[in-house]
PDB file of N, CA and C in Angstrom:
ATOM      1  N   MET A   1       0.887  -1.065  -0.028  1.00  0.00           N
ATOM      2  CA  MET A   1       0.066  -0.016  -0.028  1.00  0.00           C
ATOM      3  C   MET A   1       0.941   1.163   0.108  1.00  0.00           C
ATOM      4  N   THR A   2       0.743   2.233  -0.952  1.00  0.00           N
ATOM      5  CA  THR A   2       1.310   3.429  -0.836  1.00  0.00           C
ATOM      6  C   THR A   2       0.816   4.306   0.126  1.00  0.00           C
ATOM      7  N   THR A   3       1.423   5.275   0.864  1.00  0.00           N
ATOM      8  CA  THR A   3       1.332   5.909   2.408  1.00  0.00           C
ATOM      9  C   THR A   3       1.311   7.219   1.265  1.00  0.00           C
ATOM     10  N   GLY A   4      -0.096   7.829   1.769  1.00  0.00           N
ATOM     11  CA  GLY A   4      -0.022   9.207   1.265  1.00  0.00           C
ATOM     12  C   GLY A   4      -0.501  10.175   2.474  1.00  0.00           C
ATOM     13  N   SER A   5      -0.820  11.459   1.941  1.00  0.00           N
ATOM     14  CA  SER A   5      -0.731  12.273   3.648  1.00  0.00           C
ATOM     15  C   SER A   5      -2.351  12.201   4.223  1.00  0.00           C
ATOM     16  N   THR A   6      -1.959  12.633   5.469  1.00  0.00           N
ATOM     17  CA  THR A   6      -3.100  12.009   6.355  1.00  0.00           C
ATOM     18  C   THR A   6      -4.470  12.121   5.956  1.00  0.00           C
ATOM     19  N   HIS A   7      -4.545  13.302   5.188  1.00  0.00           N
ATOM     20  CA  HIS A   7      -5.916  13.547   4.392  1.00  0.00           C
ATOM     21  C   HIS A   7      -6.473  12.689   3.369  1.00  0.00           C
ATOM     22  N   GLN A   8      -5.433  11.979   2.718  1.00  0.00           N
ATOM     23  CA  GLN A   8      -5.571  11.134   1.514  1.00  0.00           C
ATOM     24  C   GLN A   8      -6.101   9.451   2.298  1.00  0.00           C
ATOM     25  N   ASN A   9      -5.158   9.386   3.390  1.00  0.00           N
ATOM     26  CA  ASN A   9      -5.656   8.288   3.905  1.00  0.00           C
ATOM     27  C   ASN A   9      -7.344   8.376   4.806  1.00  0.00           C
ATOM     28  N   LEU A  10      -7.369   9.312   5.107  1.00  0.00           N
ATOM     29  CA  LEU A  10      -8.807   9.585   5.718  1.00  0.00           C
ATOM     30  C   LEU A  10      -9.771   9.421   4.594  1.00  0.00           C
ATOM     31  N   VAL A  11      -9.653   9.958   3.650  1.00  0.00           N
ATOM     32  CA  VAL A  11     -10.562  10.108   2.368  1.00  0.00           C
ATOM     33  C   VAL A  11     -11.006   8.408   1.989  1.00  0.00           C
ATOM     34  N   ARG A  12      -9.551   7.604   1.946  1.00  0.00           N
ATOM     35  CA  ARG A  12      -9.664   6.555   1.495  1.00  0.00           C
ATOM     36  C   ARG A  12     -10.146   5.531   2.503  1.00  0.00           C
ATOM     37  N   LEU A  13     -10.135   5.567   3.807  1.00  0.00           N
ATOM     38  CA  LEU A  13     -10.443   5.026   4.904  1.00  0.00           C
ATOM     39  C   LEU A  13     -12.186   5.149   4.627  1.00  0.00           C
ATOM     40  N   ARG A  14     -12.679   5.874   4.624  1.00  0.00           N
ATOM     41  CA  ARG A  14     -13.922   6.557   4.529  1.00  0.00           C
ATOM     42  C   ARG A  14     -14.465   5.598   3.476  1.00  0.00           C
ATOM     43  N   ASP A  15     -13.605   5.615   2.270  1.00  0.00           N
ATOM     44  CA  ASP A  15     -14.402   5.158   1.140  1.00  0.00           C
ATOM     45  C   ASP A  15     -14.402   3.506   1.254  1.00  0.00           C
ATOM     46  N   VAL A  16     -13.205   3.321   1.759  1.00  0.00           N
ATOM     47  CA  VAL A  16     -13.412   1.623   2.234  1.00  0.00           C
ATOM     48  C   VAL A  16     -14.305   1.272   3.098  1.00  0.00           C
ATOM     49  N   ILE A  17     -14.871   1.814   3.979  1.00  0.00           N
ATOM     50  CA  ILE A  17     -15.915   1.480   4.999  1.00  0.00           C
ATOM     51  C   ILE A  17     -17.034   1.367   4.196  1.00  0.00           C
ATOM     52  N   LEU A  18     -17.476   2.467   3.514  1.00  0.00           N
ATOM     53  CA  LEU A  18     -18.459   2.483   2.496  1.00  0.00           C
ATOM     54  C   LEU A  18     -18.640   0.975   1.572  1.00  0.00           C
ATOM     55  N   GLU A  19     -17.382   1.233   1.097  1.00  0.00           N
ATOM     56  CA  GLU A  19     -17.240  -0.083   0.232  1.00  0.00           C
ATOM     57  C   GLU A  19     -17.700  -1.358   0.974  1.00  0.00           C
ATOM     58  N   GLU A  20     -17.049  -1.797   2.229  1.00  0.00           N
ATOM     59  CA  GLU A  20     -17.262  -2.805   2.887  1.00  0.00           C
ATOM     60  C   GLU A  20     -18.544  -2.715   3.030  1.00  0.00           C
ATOM     61  N   ARG A  21     -19.314  -1.847   3.767  1.00  0.00           N
ATOM     62  CA  ARG A  21     -21.028  -2.079   3.809  1.00  0.00           C
ATOM     63  C   ARG A  21     -21.707  -2.780   2.713  1.00  0.00           C
ATOM     64  N   GLU A  22     -21.106  -1.983   1.429  1.00  0.00           N
ATOM     65  CA  GLU A  22     -21.804  -2.528   0.169  1.00  0.00           C
ATOM     66  C   GLU A  22     -21.477  -4.195  -0.351  1.00  0.00           C
ATOM     67  N   PHE A  23     -20.170  -4.400   0.012  1.00  0.00           N
ATOM     68  CA  PHE A  23     -19.802  -5.786  -0.312  1.00  0.00           C
ATOM     69  C   PHE A  23     -20.696  -6.856   0.712  1.00  0.00           C
ATOM     70  N   THR A  24     -20.957  -6.252   1.861  1.00  0.00           N
ATOM     71  CA  THR A  24     -21.488  -7.081   2.844  1.00  0.00           C
ATOM     72  C   THR A  24     -22.832  -7.505   2.530  1.00  0.00           C
ATOM     73  N   LYS A  25     -23.822  -6.267   1.897  1.00  0.00           N
ATOM     74  CA  LYS A  25     -24.917  -6.160   1.225  1.00  0.00           C
ATOM     75  C   LYS A  25     -24.972  -7.111   0.184  1.00  0.00           C
ATOM     76  N   VAL A  26     -24.229  -7.477  -0.649  1.00  0.00           N
ATOM     77  CA  VAL A  26     -24.383  -8.211  -1.442  1.00  0.00           C
ATOM     78  C   VAL A  26     -23.595  -9.673  -1.463  1.00  0.00           C
ATOM     79  N   LEU A  27     -23.169  -9.803  -0.361  1.00  0.00           N
ATOM     80  CA  LEU A  27     -22.432 -11.057   0.019  1.00  0.00           C
ATOM     81  C   LEU A  27     -21.281 -11.494  -0.598  1.00  0.00           C
ATOM     82  N   ASP A  28     -20.815 -10.384  -1.066  1.00  0.00           N
ATOM     83  CA  ASP A  28     -19.200 -10.688  -1.973  1.00  0.00           C
ATOM     84  C   ASP A  28     -18.077 -10.639  -1.088  1.00  0.00           C
ATOM     85  N   MET A  29     -17.708 -11.917  -0.652  1.00  0.00           N
ATOM     86  CA  MET A  29     -17.088 -12.595   0.496  1.00  0.00           C
ATOM     87  C   MET A  29     -15.527 -11.968   0.036  1.00  0.00           C
ATOM     88  N   LYS A  30     -15.566 -12.225  -1.021  1.00  0.00           N
ATOM     89  CA  LYS A  30     -14.093 -12.050  -1.834  1.00  0.00           C
ATOM     90  C   LYS A  30     -13.618 -10.577  -1.194  1.00  0.00           C
ATOM     91  N   SER A  31     -14.291  -9.643  -2.144  1.00  0.00           N
ATOM     92  CA  SER A  31     -14.062  -8.322  -2.134  1.00  0.00           C
ATOM     93  C   SER A  31     -14.352  -7.764  -0.769  1.00  0.00           C
ATOM     94  N   LEU A  32     -15.127  -8.084   0.056  1.00  0.00           N
ATOM     95  CA  LEU A  32     -15.256  -7.773   1.649  1.00  0.00           C
ATOM     96  C   LEU A  32     -14.132  -8.070   2.128  1.00  0.00           C
ATOM     97  N   ALA A  33     -13.343  -9.556   2.030  1.00  0.00           N
ATOM     98  CA  ALA A  33     -11.963  -9.897   2.647  1.00  0.00           C
ATOM     99  C   ALA A  33     -10.479  -8.677   2.436  1.00  0.00           C
ATOM    100  N   ALA A  34     -10.840  -8.384   1.089  1.00  0.00           N
ATOM    101  CA  ALA A  34      -9.870  -7.287   0.689  1.00  0.00           C
ATOM    102  C   ALA A  34     -10.262  -6.044   1.190  1.00  0.00           C
ATOM    103  N   ALA A  35     -11.356  -5.689   1.220  1.00  0.00           N
ATOM    104  CA  ALA A  35     -11.333  -4.170   1.884  1.00  0.00           C
ATOM    105  C   ALA A  35     -11.007  -4.293   3.406  1.00  0.00           C
ATOM    106  N   ILE A  36     -11.716  -5.293   4.072  1.00  0.00           N
ATOM    107  CA  ILE A  36     -11.088  -5.673   5.624  1.00  0.00           C
ATOM    108  C   ILE A  36      -9.620  -5.431   5.623  1.00  0.00           C
ATOM    109  N   ARG A  37      -8.724  -5.868   4.733  1.00  0.00           N
ATOM    110  CA  ARG A  37      -7.394  -6.085   4.594  1.00  0.00           C
ATOM    111  C   ARG A  37      -7.011  -4.715   4.601  1.00  0.00           C
ATOM    112  N   GLU A  38      -7.335  -3.781   3.792  1.00  0.00           N
ATOM    113  CA  GLU A  38      -7.229  -2.562   3.065  1.00  0.00           C
ATOM    114  C   GLU A  38      -7.391  -1.214   4.338  1.00  0.00           C
ATOM    115  N   LYS A  39      -8.363  -1.989   5.119  1.00  0.00           N
ATOM    116  CA  LYS A  39      -8.839  -1.017   6.543  1.00  0.00           C
ATOM    117  C   LYS A  39      -8.219  -0.980   7.269  1.00  0.00           C
ATOM    118  N   GLU A  40      -7.604  -2.288   7.274  1.00  0.00           N
ATOM    119  CA  GLU A  40      -6.865  -2.474   8.505  1.00  0.00           C
ATOM    120  C   GLU A  40      -5.184  -1.616   8.193  1.00  0.00           C
ATOM    121  N   GLU A  41      -4.852  -1.856   7.099  1.00  0.00           N
ATOM    122  CA  GLU A  41      -3.667  -1.886   6.951  1.00  0.00           C
ATOM    123  C   GLU A  41      -3.645   0.113   6.833  1.00  0.00           C
ATOM    124  N   LEU A  42      -4.957   0.761   6.828  1.00  0.00           N
ATOM    125  CA  LEU A  42      -5.041   2.212   6.636  1.00  0.00           C
ATOM    126  C   LEU A  42      -5.224   2.486   8.070  1.00  0.00           C
ATOM    127  N   ILE A  43      -5.529   1.681   8.992  1.00  0.00           N
ATOM    128  CA  ILE A  43      -5.984   2.143  10.320  1.00  0.00           C
ATOM    129  C   ILE A  43      -4.519   2.124  11.437  1.00  0.00           C
ATOM    130  N   GLN A  44      -3.734   1.021  10.616  1.00  0.00           N
ATOM    131  CA  GLN A  44      -2.246   0.962  11.474  1.00  0.00           C
ATOM    132  C   GLN A  44      -1.189   2.233  10.636  1.00  0.00           C
ATOM    133  N   VAL A  45      -1.383   2.552   9.333  1.00  0.00           N
ATOM    134  CA  VAL A  45      -0.839   3.916   9.208  1.00  0.00           C
ATOM    135  C   VAL A  45      -1.234   4.986   9.866  1.00  0.00           C
ATOM    136  N   LEU A  46      -2.517   5.209  10.210  1.00  0.00           N
ATOM    137  CA  LEU A  46      -3.300   6.254  10.577  1.00  0.00           C
ATOM    138  C   LEU A  46      -3.148   6.472  12.278  1.00  0.00           C
ATOM    139  N   ALA A  47      -2.586   5.148  12.733  1.00  0.00           N
ATOM    140  CA  ALA A  47      -2.601   5.197  14.182  1.00  0.00           C
ATOM    141  C   ALA A  47      -1.561   6.242  14.655  1.00  0.00           C
ATOM    142  N   HIS A  48      -0.304   6.096  13.698  1.00  0.00           N
ATOM    143  CA  HIS A  48       1.073   7.047  14.049  1.00  0.00           C
ATOM    144  C   HIS A  48       0.395   8.449  14.220  1.00  0.00           C
ATOM    145  N   VAL A  49      -0.536   9.066  13.479  1.00  0.00           N
ATOM    146  CA  VAL A  49      -1.060  10.294  13.274  1.00  0.00           C
ATOM    147  C   VAL A  49      -1.299  11.222  14.899  1.00  0.00           C
ATOM    148  N   ASN A  50      -0.634  11.690  15.229  1.00  0.00           N
ATOM    149  CA  ASN A  50      -0.877  12.466  16.729  1.00  0.00           C
ATOM    150  C   ASN A  50      -1.771  13.462  16.806  1.00  0.00           C
ATOM    151  N   LYS A  51      -1.973  14.416  15.795  1.00  0.00           N
ATOM    152  CA  LYS A  51      -2.725  15.479  15.717  1.00  0.00           C
ATOM    153  C   LYS A  51      -3.658  15.835  14.269  1.00  0.00           C
ATOM    154  N   LEU A  52      -4.605  15.814  14.395  1.00  0.00           N
ATOM    155  CA  LEU A  52      -5.534  15.928  13.063  1.00  0.00           C
ATOM    156  C   LEU A  52      -5.510  17.765  12.819  1.00  0.00           C
ATOM    157  N   GLU A  53      -5.387  17.921  11.541  1.00  0.00           N
ATOM    158  CA  GLU A  53      -5.818  19.319  11.120  1.00  0.00           C
ATOM    159  C   GLU A  53      -7.252  19.496  11.170  1.00  0.00           C
ATOM    160  N   ASP A  54      -7.469  20.863  11.434  1.00  0.00           N
ATOM    161  CA  ASP A  54      -9.022  21.106  11.437  1.00  0.00           C
ATOM    162  C   ASP A  54     -10.049  20.396  10.393  1.00  0.00           C
ATOM    163  N   GLU A  55      -9.614  20.494   8.830  1.00  0.00           N
ATOM    164  CA  GLU A  55     -10.241  20.231   8.015  1.00  0.00           C
ATOM    165  C   GLU A  55     -10.378  18.564   7.720  1.00  0.00           C
ATOM    166  N   ASP A  56      -9.622  17.938   8.662  1.00  0.00           N
ATOM    167  CA  ASP A  56      -9.353  16.856   8.529  1.00  0.00           C
ATOM    168  C   ASP A  56     -10.126  16.200   9.633  1.00  0.00           C
ATOM    169  N   LYS A  57     -10.583  16.840  10.989  1.00  0.00           N
ATOM    170  CA  LYS A  57     -11.422  16.363  12.046  1.00  0.00           C
ATOM    171  C   LYS A  57     -13.037  16.143  11.481  1.00  0.00           C
ATOM    172  N   GLU A  58     -13.660  16.876  10.241  1.00  0.00           N
ATOM    173  CA  GLU A  58     -14.892  16.450  10.103  1.00  0.00           C
ATOM    174  C   GLU A  58     -14.681  14.906   9.350  1.00  0.00           C
ATOM    175  N   ILE A  59     -14.018  14.814   8.436  1.00  0.00           N
ATOM    176  CA  ILE A  59     -13.997  13.717   8.005  1.00  0.00           C
ATOM    177  C   ILE A  59     -13.627  12.235   8.818  1.00  0.00           C
ATOM    178  N   ALA A  60     -12.774  12.327  10.073  1.00  0.00           N
ATOM    179  CA  ALA A  60     -12.764  11.578  11.187  1.00  0.00           C
ATOM    180  C   ALA A  60     -14.335  11.355  11.707  1.00  0.00           C
ATOM    181  N   GLY A  61     -14.687  12.338  11.868  1.00  0.00           N
ATOM    182  CA  GLY A  61     -16.085  12.061  12.713  1.00  0.00           C
ATOM    183  C   GLY A  61     -17.217  11.617  11.461  1.00  0.00           C
ATOM    184  N   ILE A  62     -17.111  11.514  10.286  1.00  0.00           N
ATOM    185  CA  ILE A  62     -17.784  11.172   9.149  1.00  0.00           C
ATOM    186  C   ILE A  62     -17.175   9.166   9.321  1.00  0.00           C
ATOM    187  N   ILE A  63     -16.088   9.373   8.999  1.00  0.00           N
ATOM    188  CA  ILE A  63     -15.487   7.541   9.661  1.00  0.00           C
ATOM    189  C   ILE A  63     -15.849   6.992  10.809  1.00  0.00           C
ATOM    190  N   ARG A  64     -15.889   7.789  12.018  1.00  0.00           N
ATOM    191  CA  ARG A  64     -16.463   7.228  12.876  1.00  0.00           C
ATOM    192  C   ARG A  64     -17.815   6.553  13.039  1.00  0.00           C
ATOM    193  N   HIS A  65     -18.887   7.562  12.473  1.00  0.00           N
ATOM    194  CA  HIS A  65     -20.302   7.598  12.146  1.00  0.00           C
ATOM    195  C   HIS A  65     -20.295   6.130  11.250  1.00  0.00           C
ATOM    196  N   GLU A  66     -19.657   6.416  10.289  1.00  0.00           N
ATOM    197  CA  GLU A  66     -19.984   5.274   9.102  1.00  0.00           C
ATOM    198  C   GLU A  66     -19.652   3.679   9.435  1.00  0.00           C
ATOM    199  N   ASN A  67     -18.109   3.558  10.432  1.00  0.00           N
ATOM    200  CA  ASN A  67     -17.822   2.480  10.957  1.00  0.00           C
ATOM    201  C   ASN A  67     -18.533   1.905  11.759  1.00  0.00           C
ATOM    202  N   ARG A  68     -19.256   3.112  13.075  1.00  0.00           N
ATOM    203  CA  ARG A  68     -20.525   2.604  13.817  1.00  0.00           C
ATOM    204  C   ARG A  68     -21.763   1.680  12.997  1.00  0.00           C
ATOM    205  N   ARG A  69     -21.902   2.478  11.813  1.00  0.00           N
ATOM    206  CA  ARG A  69     -23.295   1.960  11.105  1.00  0.00           C
ATOM    207  C   ARG A  69     -22.728   0.901  10.602  1.00  0.00           C
ATOM    208  N   ASN A  70     -21.715   0.357  10.126  1.00  0.00           N
ATOM    209  CA  ASN A  70     -20.977  -0.983   9.939  1.00  0.00           C
ATOM    210  C   ASN A  70     -21.226  -1.883  10.632  1.00  0.00           C
ATOM    211  N   ALA A  71     -20.690  -1.697  11.992  1.00  0.00           N
ATOM    212  CA  ALA A  71     -20.788  -2.558  13.354  1.00  0.00           C
ATOM    213  C   ALA A  71     -22.089  -2.910  13.565  1.00  0.00           C
ATOM    214  N   TYR A  72     -22.792  -1.950  13.416  1.00  0.00           N
ATOM    215  CA  TYR A  72     -24.539  -2.323  14.161  1.00  0.00           C
ATOM    216  C   TYR A  72     -25.071  -3.305  12.792  1.00  0.00           C
ATOM    217  N   LEU A  73     -24.837  -2.980  11.332  1.00  0.00           N
ATOM    218  CA  LEU A  73     -25.208  -4.086  10.282  1.00  0.00           C
ATOM    219  C   LEU A  73     -24.797  -5.307  10.681  1.00  0.00           C
ATOM    220  N   PHE A  74     -23.443  -5.350  11.055  1.00  0.00           N
ATOM    221  CA  PHE A  74     -22.660  -6.466  11.343  1.00  0.00           C
ATOM    222  C   PHE A  74     -23.377  -7.365  12.566  1.00  0.00           C
ATOM    223  N   LYS A  75     -23.789  -6.504  13.745  1.00  0.00           N
ATOM    224  CA  LYS A  75     -24.456  -7.346  14.903  1.00  0.00           C
ATOM    225  C   LYS A  75     -25.783  -7.651  14.732  1.00  0.00           C
ATOM    226  N   ALA A  76     -26.458  -6.954  14.030  1.00  0.00           N
ATOM    227  CA  ALA A  76     -27.522  -7.268  13.848  1.00  0.00           C
ATOM    228  C   ALA A  76     -27.763  -8.254  12.838  1.00  0.00           C
ATOM    229  N   THR A  77     -27.320  -8.263  11.948  1.00  0.00           N
ATOM    230  CA  THR A  77     -27.275  -9.434  11.009  1.00  0.00           C
ATOM    231  C   THR A  77     -26.850 -10.830  11.671  1.00  0.00           C
ATOM    232  N   LEU A  78     -25.441 -10.394  12.699  1.00  0.00           N
ATOM    233  CA  LEU A  78     -25.185 -11.840  13.240  1.00  0.00           C
ATOM    234  C   LEU A  78     -26.466 -12.312  14.523  1.00  0.00           C
ATOM    235  N   GLY A  79     -27.008 -11.489  15.162  1.00  0.00           N
ATOM    236  CA  GLY A  79     -28.444 -11.644  15.712  1.00  0.00           C
ATOM    237  C   GLY A  79     -29.447 -12.284  15.085  1.00  0.00           C
ATOM    238  N   TRP A  80     -29.934 -11.849  14.046  1.00  0.00           N
ATOM    239  CA  TRP A  80     -30.688 -12.228  13.087  1.00  0.00           C
ATOM    240  C   TRP A  80     -30.086 -14.205  12.402  1.00  0.00           C
ATOM    241  N   ILE A  81     -28.832 -14.367  12.414  1.00  0.00           N
ATOM    242  CA  ILE A  81     -28.237 -15.598  11.924  1.00  0.00           C
ATOM    243  C   ILE A  81     -28.504 -16.379  13.335  1.00  0.00           C
ATOM    244  N   ARG A  82     -28.370 -16.413  14.289  1.00  0.00           N
ATOM    245  CA  ARG A  82     -28.277 -16.629  15.846  1.00  0.00           C
ATOM    246  C   ARG A  82     -29.846 -16.958  15.812  1.00  0.00           C
ATOM    247  N   GLU A  83     -30.896 -16.221  15.728  1.00  0.00           N
ATOM    248  CA  GLU A  83     -32.225 -16.370  15.689  1.00  0.00           C
ATOM    249  C   GLU A  83     -32.726 -17.652  14.934  1.00  0.00           C
ATOM    250  N   THR A  84     -32.316 -17.529  13.804  1.00  0.00           N
ATOM    251  CA  THR A  84     -32.793 -18.390  12.775  1.00  0.00           C
ATOM    252  C   THR A  84     -31.936 -19.945  13.097  1.00  0.00           C
ATOM    253  N   MET A  85     -30.871 -19.882  13.568  1.00  0.00           N
ATOM    254  CA  MET A  85     -30.042 -21.249  13.884  1.00  0.00           C
ATOM    255  C   MET A  85     -30.894 -21.860  14.948  1.00  0.00           C
ATOM    256  N   GLU A  86     -31.380 -20.872  15.951  1.00  0.00           N
ATOM    257  CA  GLU A  86     -32.165 -21.569  17.293  1.00  0.00           C
ATOM    258  C   GLU A  86     -33.525 -21.894  16.632  1.00  0.00           C
ATOM    259  N   PHE A  87     -34.178 -21.480  16.103  1.00  0.00           N
ATOM    260  CA  PHE A  87     -35.497 -21.850  15.213  1.00  0.00           C
ATOM    261  C   PHE A  87     -35.278 -22.978  14.650  1.00  0.00           C
ATOM    262  N   PHE A  88     -34.441 -23.058  14.010  1.00  0.00           N
ATOM    263  CA  PHE A  88     -34.375 -24.317  13.004  1.00  0.00           C
ATOM    264  C   PHE A  88     -33.642 -25.543  13.873  1.00  0.00           C
ATOM    265  N   GLY A  89     -33.416 -25.251  15.109  1.00  0.00           N
ATOM    266  CA  GLY A  89     -32.645 -26.050  16.003  1.00  0.00           C
ATOM    267  C   GLY A  89     -33.464 -27.089  17.060  1.00  0.00           C
ATOM    268  N   LYS A  90     -34.699 -26.098  17.138  1.00  0.00           N
ATOM    269  CA  LYS A  90     -35.633 -26.866  18.217  1.00  0.00           C
ATOM    270  C   LYS A  90     -36.379 -27.857  17.937  1.00  0.00           C
ATOM    271  N   ARG A  91     -37.002 -28.139  18.998  1.00  0.00           N
ATOM    272  CA  ARG A  91     -37.751 -30.019  18.952  1.00  0.00           C
ATOM    273  C   ARG A  91     -38.663 -29.129  17.849  1.00  0.00           C
ATOM    274  N   THR A  92     -39.185 -30.429  16.994  1.00  0.00           N
ATOM    275  CA  THR A  92     -40.026 -30.415  16.126  1.00  0.00           C
ATOM    276  C   THR A  92     -41.138 -31.240  16.392  1.00  0.00           C
ATOM    277  N   ALA A  93     -41.020 -31.751  17.618  1.00  0.00           N
ATOM    278  CA  ALA A  93     -42.436 -32.958  18.120  1.00  0.00           C
ATOM    279  C   ALA A  93     -42.547 -32.438  19.394  1.00  0.00           C
ATOM    280  N   PRO A  94     -43.578 -32.504  19.810  1.00  0.00           N
ATOM    281  CA  PRO A  94     -44.111 -32.196  21.308  1.00  0.00           C
ATOM    282  C   PRO A  94     -43.350 -33.230  22.223  1.00  0.00           C
ATOM    283  N   SER A  95     -43.131 -32.845  23.506  1.00  0.00           N
ATOM    284  CA  SER A  95     -43.013 -33.921  24.401  1.00  0.00           C
ATOM    285  C   SER A  95     -44.236 -35.116  24.600  1.00  0.00           C
ATOM    286  N   SER A  96     -44.010 -36.411  24.837  1.00  0.00           N
ATOM    287  CA  SER A  96     -45.213 -37.262  25.217  1.00  0.00           C
ATOM    288  C   SER A  96     -45.332 -37.465  26.743  1.00  0.00           C
ATOM    289  N   TYR A  97     -46.281 -37.925  27.541  1.00  0.00           N
ATOM    290  CA  TYR A  97     -46.663 -38.142  28.802  1.00  0.00           C
ATOM    291  C   TYR A  97     -46.903 -39.239  28.670  1.00  0.00           C
ATOM    292  N   THR A  98     -46.611 -40.309  29.894  1.00  0.00           N
ATOM    293  CA  THR A  98     -47.053 -41.362  30.564  1.00  0.00           C
ATOM    294  C   THR A  98     -48.331 -41.576  30.823  1.00  0.00           C
ATOM    295  N   ALA A  99     -48.703 -42.788  31.098  1.00  0.00           N
ATOM    296  CA  ALA A  99     -49.952 -42.906  32.086  1.00  0.00           C
ATOM    297  C   ALA A  99     -50.096 -41.919  33.263  1.00  0.00           C
ATOM    298  N   ASP A 100     -48.951 -42.050  34.044  1.00  0.00           N
ATOM    299  CA  ASP A 100     -49.058 -41.255  35.659  1.00  0.00           C
ATOM    300  C   ASP A 100     -48.495 -40.256  35.412  1.00  0.00           C
ATOM    301  N   ALA A 101     -48.630 -39.547  34.046  1.00  0.00           N
ATOM    302  CA  ALA A 101     -48.567 -38.169  34.133  1.00  0.00           C
ATOM    303  C   ALA A 101     -46.605 -37.548  33.851  1.00  0.00           C
ATOM    304  N   GLY A 102     -46.154 -38.896  34.134  1.00  0.00           N
ATOM    305  CA  GLY A 102     -44.524 -38.559  33.677  1.00  0.00           C
ATOM    306  C   GLY A 102     -44.400 -38.287  32.209  1.00  0.00           C
ATOM    307  N   MET A 103     -43.257 -37.600  32.071  1.00  0.00           N
ATOM    308  CA  MET A 103     -42.725 -36.793  30.840  1.00  0.00           C
ATOM    309  C   MET A 103     -41.698 -38.164  30.315  1.00  0.00           C
ATOM    310  N   ILE A 104     -42.030 -38.174  28.968  1.00  0.00           N
ATOM    311  CA  ILE A 104     -41.312 -39.154  28.273  1.00  0.00           C
ATOM    312  C   ILE A 104     -40.210 -38.685  27.090  1.00  0.00           C
ATOM    313  N   SER A 105     -38.924 -38.712  27.099  1.00  0.00           N
ATOM    314  CA  SER A 105     -37.770 -38.023  26.800  1.00  0.00           C
ATOM    315  C   SER A 105     -38.120 -38.430  25.024  1.00  0.00           C
ATOM    316  N   SER A 106     -38.172 -37.242  24.268  1.00  0.00           N
ATOM    317  CA  SER A 106     -38.255 -37.370  23.090  1.00  0.00           C
ATOM    318  C   SER A 106     -36.785 -37.244  22.605  1.00  0.00           C
ATOM    319  N   ARG A 107     -36.611 -38.445  21.457  1.00  0.00           N
ATOM    320  CA  ARG A 107     -35.272 -38.236  21.071  1.00  0.00           C
ATOM    321  C   ARG A 107     -35.173 -37.310  19.706  1.00  0.00           C
ATOM    322  N   ILE A 108     -36.035 -36.722  19.396  1.00  0.00           N
ATOM    323  CA  ILE A 108     -36.371 -36.226  18.140  1.00  0.00           C
ATOM    324  C   ILE A 108     -35.857 -34.709  18.771  1.00  0.00           C
ATOM    325  N   ASN A 109     -34.738 -34.159  17.912  1.00  0.00           N
ATOM    326  CA  ASN A 109     -34.549 -32.651  18.134  1.00  0.00           C
ATOM    327  C   ASN A 109     -33.938 -32.262  17.182  1.00  0.00           C
ATOM    328  N   GLY A 110     -34.221 -31.128  16.650  1.00  0.00           N
ATOM    329  CA  GLY A 110     -33.595 -30.284  15.321  1.00  0.00           C
ATOM    330  C   GLY A 110     -33.423 -31.130  14.037  1.00  0.00           C
ATOM    331  N   ARG A 111     -34.734 -31.559  14.081  1.00  0.00           N
ATOM    332  CA  ARG A 111     -34.556 -32.395  12.363  1.00  0.00           C
ATOM    333  C   ARG A 111     -34.203 -31.463  11.189  1.00  0.00           C
ATOM    334  N   LEU A 112     -34.549 -30.177  11.355  1.00  0.00           N
ATOM    335  CA  LEU A 112     -34.866 -29.637  10.393  1.00  0.00           C
ATOM    336  C   LEU A 112     -33.176 -29.039   9.950  1.00  0.00           C
ATOM    337  N   LEU A 113     -32.291 -29.348  10.851  1.00  0.00           N
ATOM    338  CA  LEU A 113     -30.712 -29.048  10.977  1.00  0.00           C
ATOM    339  C   LEU A 113     -30.225 -30.331  10.455  1.00  0.00           C
ATOM    340  N   THR A 114     -30.632 -31.374  11.105  1.00  0.00           N
ATOM    341  CA  THR A 114     -29.887 -32.705  10.602  1.00  0.00           C
ATOM    342  C   THR A 114     -30.455 -33.119   9.285  1.00  0.00           C
ATOM    343  N   GLY A 115     -31.576 -32.826   8.573  1.00  0.00           N
ATOM    344  CA  GLY A 115     -32.142 -33.643   7.367  1.00  0.00           C
ATOM    345  C   GLY A 115     -32.935 -34.662   7.460  1.00  0.00           C
ATOM    346  N   LYS A 116     -33.254 -34.955   8.741  1.00  0.00           N
ATOM    347  CA  LYS A 116     -33.823 -35.997   8.952  1.00  0.00           C
ATOM    348  C   LYS A 116     -35.558 -35.742   9.357  1.00  0.00           C
ATOM    349  N   VAL A 117     -36.334 -36.822   8.800  1.00  0.00           N
ATOM    350  CA  VAL A 117     -37.942 -36.559   9.245  1.00  0.00           C
ATOM    351  C   VAL A 117     -38.149 -37.731   9.907  1.00  0.00           C
TER     352      VAL A 117
END
């Protein structure tokens, strides 16, 4: 990666964060991985900046906002995936009862995920 000025690196970081969101939306994992690598490199370069110029503070705020939007997208999506996995892993048949009101353990559990019917 070529190093540019702090302003150029901040602008590129903002663009990469926006690209990262778009790649996530269309599930382009190869491009997403490349964007994440570039983002990490830019963050490493920018970590050595001690003082931002006044004109760069605005773009830094935009970067913070957009990065938080991406984090929320990833967190919400992960939660949705977990809920979906829990739904498909749930028992699909109710438990049975014996004559004396005892419960019979059912061996049926998560049939939708195992593919067994």
